[in-house]
Amino acid sequence: GGAILAVSQFTLLGDCRKGRRPSFVAAARPEEADGLYRSFVTEVAGQGLEVQEGRFQQHMDV
């Protein structure tokens, strides 16, 4: 057993190859991204880990 805190991180899809400002053109739409996040949480929980999760699309202090 074990436990994790799952927090979605939209900046992982930021493309910083051009200039200083990241481009999020390739990022998934919020509906699709939320589904991917939910699938991840479900998969981890299915491995027998306790999962606490952040709220998708919310500002959080972790």
Protein backbone atom coordinates (compact mmCIF):
# COMPACT_ATOMS: atom_id res chain seq x y z
CA GLY A 1 0.00 0.00 0.00
CA GLY A 2 0.82 3.63 -0.19
CA ALA A 3 -0.79 6.94 -0.96
CA ILE A 4 -0.45 9.67 -3.56
CA LEU A 5 -1.76 13.18 -4.09
CA ALA A 6 -2.74 13.58 -7.74
CA VAL A 7 -2.74 17.16 -9.01
CA SER A 8 -3.37 18.00 -12.66
CA GLN A 9 -0.66 20.14 -14.25
CA PHE A 10 -1.60 21.90 -17.48
CA THR A 11 1.85 23.42 -17.96
CA LEU A 12 3.27 20.00 -18.83
CA LEU A 13 2.01 20.58 -22.38
CA GLY A 14 3.55 24.03 -22.76
CA ASP A 15 5.84 24.33 -25.80
CA CYS A 16 8.75 26.65 -24.97
CA ARG A 17 10.80 26.12 -28.12
CA LYS A 18 10.04 29.62 -29.47
CA GLY A 19 10.56 32.61 -27.23
CA ARG A 20 9.83 32.99 -23.54
CA ARG A 21 6.08 32.47 -23.53
CA PRO A 22 4.89 28.87 -23.71
CA SER A 23 2.39 27.92 -26.39
CA PHE A 24 -0.51 25.71 -25.37
CA VAL A 25 -1.81 25.14 -28.91
CA ALA A 26 -1.19 21.37 -28.62
CA ALA A 27 -2.87 21.07 -25.21
CA ALA A 28 -6.05 19.02 -24.96
CA ARG A 29 -9.43 20.71 -24.56
CA PRO A 30 -10.52 20.88 -20.90
CA GLU A 31 -13.13 18.13 -21.37
CA GLU A 32 -10.58 15.75 -22.86
CA ALA A 33 -7.89 16.67 -20.34
CA ASP A 34 -10.28 16.09 -17.43
CA GLY A 35 -11.08 12.64 -18.82
CA LEU A 36 -7.38 11.80 -19.02
CA TYR A 37 -6.86 13.01 -15.46
CA ARG A 38 -9.81 10.93 -14.21
CA SER A 39 -8.46 7.86 -16.03
CA PHE A 40 -5.08 8.33 -14.36
CA VAL A 41 -6.66 8.61 -10.89
CA THR A 42 -8.81 5.52 -11.52
CA GLU A 43 -5.80 3.52 -12.73
CA VAL A 44 -3.68 4.47 -9.73
CA ALA A 45 -6.51 3.70 -7.30
CA GLY A 46 -6.93 0.33 -9.03
CA GLN A 47 -3.34 -0.51 -8.09
CA GLY A 48 -4.32 -0.46 -4.42
CA LEU A 49 -2.99 2.99 -3.60
CA GLU A 50 -4.94 5.53 -1.58
CA VAL A 51 -5.50 8.51 -3.87
CA GLN A 52 -6.27 12.02 -2.78
CA GLU A 53 -6.77 14.40 -5.63
CA GLY A 54 -6.74 18.06 -6.42
CA ARG A 55 -9.59 19.70 -8.26
CA PHE A 56 -9.22 19.94 -12.02
CA GLN A 57 -9.00 23.53 -13.37
CA GLN A 58 -8.71 25.06 -9.89
CA HIS A 59 -5.95 27.11 -8.27
CA MET A 60 -4.55 25.06 -5.40
CA ASP A 61 -1.89 25.51 -2.76
CA VAL A 62 -0.22 22.12 -2.43
